[in-house]
């Protein structure tokens, strides 16, 4: 299949230049890619029901005979109906098609068909409007629905897949060796591809899906574990001692057991045979920055430098302020490097890092620029990992000679998903909140109580406290800028007239966003009206109120991140979720938010409710996109795939054996598609 993978989609019969462009749009530029473009959903046509038993208002499949050729009925200019009657022998049903003259030749009198559509009518009559149909004799029991785009129907994609199958050799080179298929009871590749696209039954579909999910997860794990093993070079920057107690004495508070454990795990790595490559994940406020500071302290005491990269200027400045205050008493100098600094400020920072005058660098992507060099970089830390890809982590690490690597994430991730996403990292979890952290009370209200909520927020603002209001989500055709401007104007004219209101939205330049956040942090604004751009990391202890409009339209993890903007000071904090949602899934999400502030429990619930595709709101940066595996559903297969990948790489680290070359090729293709270019 390898050669097919590179065969242009236009080589298929019926695919011309225009249609080829549409196939490229849906991710199938080649014949092989088309064979790996799996249907989105499946329609089960194998269980037709009698007309009498069909539930009104629901989709059903009915086997019936056409009583007469469809008759034409012109209603008005540009609108023609085609009607006919069908029967299952006990009851009749009317079919209606709009502007479709072909049904007159396709539905033949006396012939029996399967019809699929919504059954309407009442006690005396039944009808279907524009149902799909197929001759009952030889009809496919399960009909695939492919991911479509305008101008390319599911049927056209299905026909192209059939044409691709015609080019396949009878016996395919299977990337999974025979003994592996036997060990996990997996079918052969050709059988899997045929039955994922055109299943002979729902049971055969399950067999095909299981094999393809296992293969996809195995390839992903092989890729991530190979990245990990490549990071297992010799540790030339081995830490010689544990200075963490000296750092803990600098803290104005007692570290939690979880913080001490995480520092211990990191130092053990840094003293080991290979450089540290670790993820620290903890809930909002669990004290990741203190752990990072402890490691910077230890590295610097051992004569090396450290660098911390954050996704935004506001966050970088916040880290710089916190770390400088903590580490300055120990004689450690910290340089800031962000885009908005003057050329002179940048030059001083860059020169100080190169000479070793600054032992710690804190900055944004500005740290990655060519001119930035270190005297001896021993530790690289990236904050809010889901904003950075594997390649960006590597770019900063290249500023040193295989420095230790720490990744921090405030998005609690279920362990299963963490193992998959950060398979190239070891994981430490901060599962304890520091004492004194305020519990955030959360309430869900309907929009008719909004004015009361505004009154409650005003009471807090009048005491000199601050709050956030997360703007309603953008409607079709409206920009987030217009949405925020309209909402802010409504607040300024009405419930918050006379208060100092700032606003944030995605169309603002980073510098403008930073200026607004700096004004809010300094207490120059009472209320911040924002889209979700305010989500990550900013610490304003005086902000105690957050109201989130359209709360049902956010994922649980995102709501939890937004809620984490408050509860950072000594005052009791409140989160108000406004939603008129009626559907059960949305209500279940809101209930979870009101019941718990435990980010890991929320993450687990989020994964159950939405699956990993939406877990981060947008696609996980730097992670290859999965075609068929579902992390909520396929946990057992993931564990099998991880075990098998470890065993395989233990026996054949380069996947060089004849039996493993197919898998090596798949790993390379997967990571090339993700843009990581990690495999050659």
Foldseek 3Di string as FASTA:
>chain_A
DVVQQPAALCVFPPQDDVNCVQCVVLPDRTLVRLLLQFFPDKDFLQDADAPVPADAQDKGKHKWFWAAQWDWDDDDVPWIKTKTWTHPVPAIEMEIEIPDVVSSVVRDHGFIKIWIAHWHDDDRYIYGYPTDIDGPVPDQRMAGAGDGDPPAGSVNSLVSNVSSLVPDDPDDQFLFDPVRCVVVVADGQVQLSCCSHRNNHVVSVVRSLLNVQLLQLLLLLLLLQLLLVVQFDFLPLAQDDQPLVVLCVLDPAHQDPLLVVVLVVQNVQSNDGGFAFAEEEEAQQLPPLSSVLSVQVSSVVRPAAEEEAEAAQLQLVVSQVVSCSSCVVVVAAEQEFEDVDDPVSNVVRQVCQCVVVHRYYGYYCRCLDPSRAHVAYAEYEYEQPLVDAPQSQVSNCVSHDSHHYYYYHNQQAAPLVCCSQNVSHHYRYSQDHGPLQADAAEAEDEPVCVLVVLVVLVVLVVVLFAEEEAFPDDDPPDFVVRRLVVVVVCCCVPSPPPFFEEEEEDVDDSVVVSVRLVCVLVSVGRYYYYHLPVQDDRERARYAEYEYEQQLPDFLSSLLSNSSNYRRHNDHHYYYYYHPDDDPLSVVSSVVVNPDSRSNVSNLSRCLSPFDCCSPPHHRQNRQDDSRDTSNPCSVSSVVSNVVSVVVCVVPVQLPDPSNVSSLVVSQVRNVVSVSNPHD
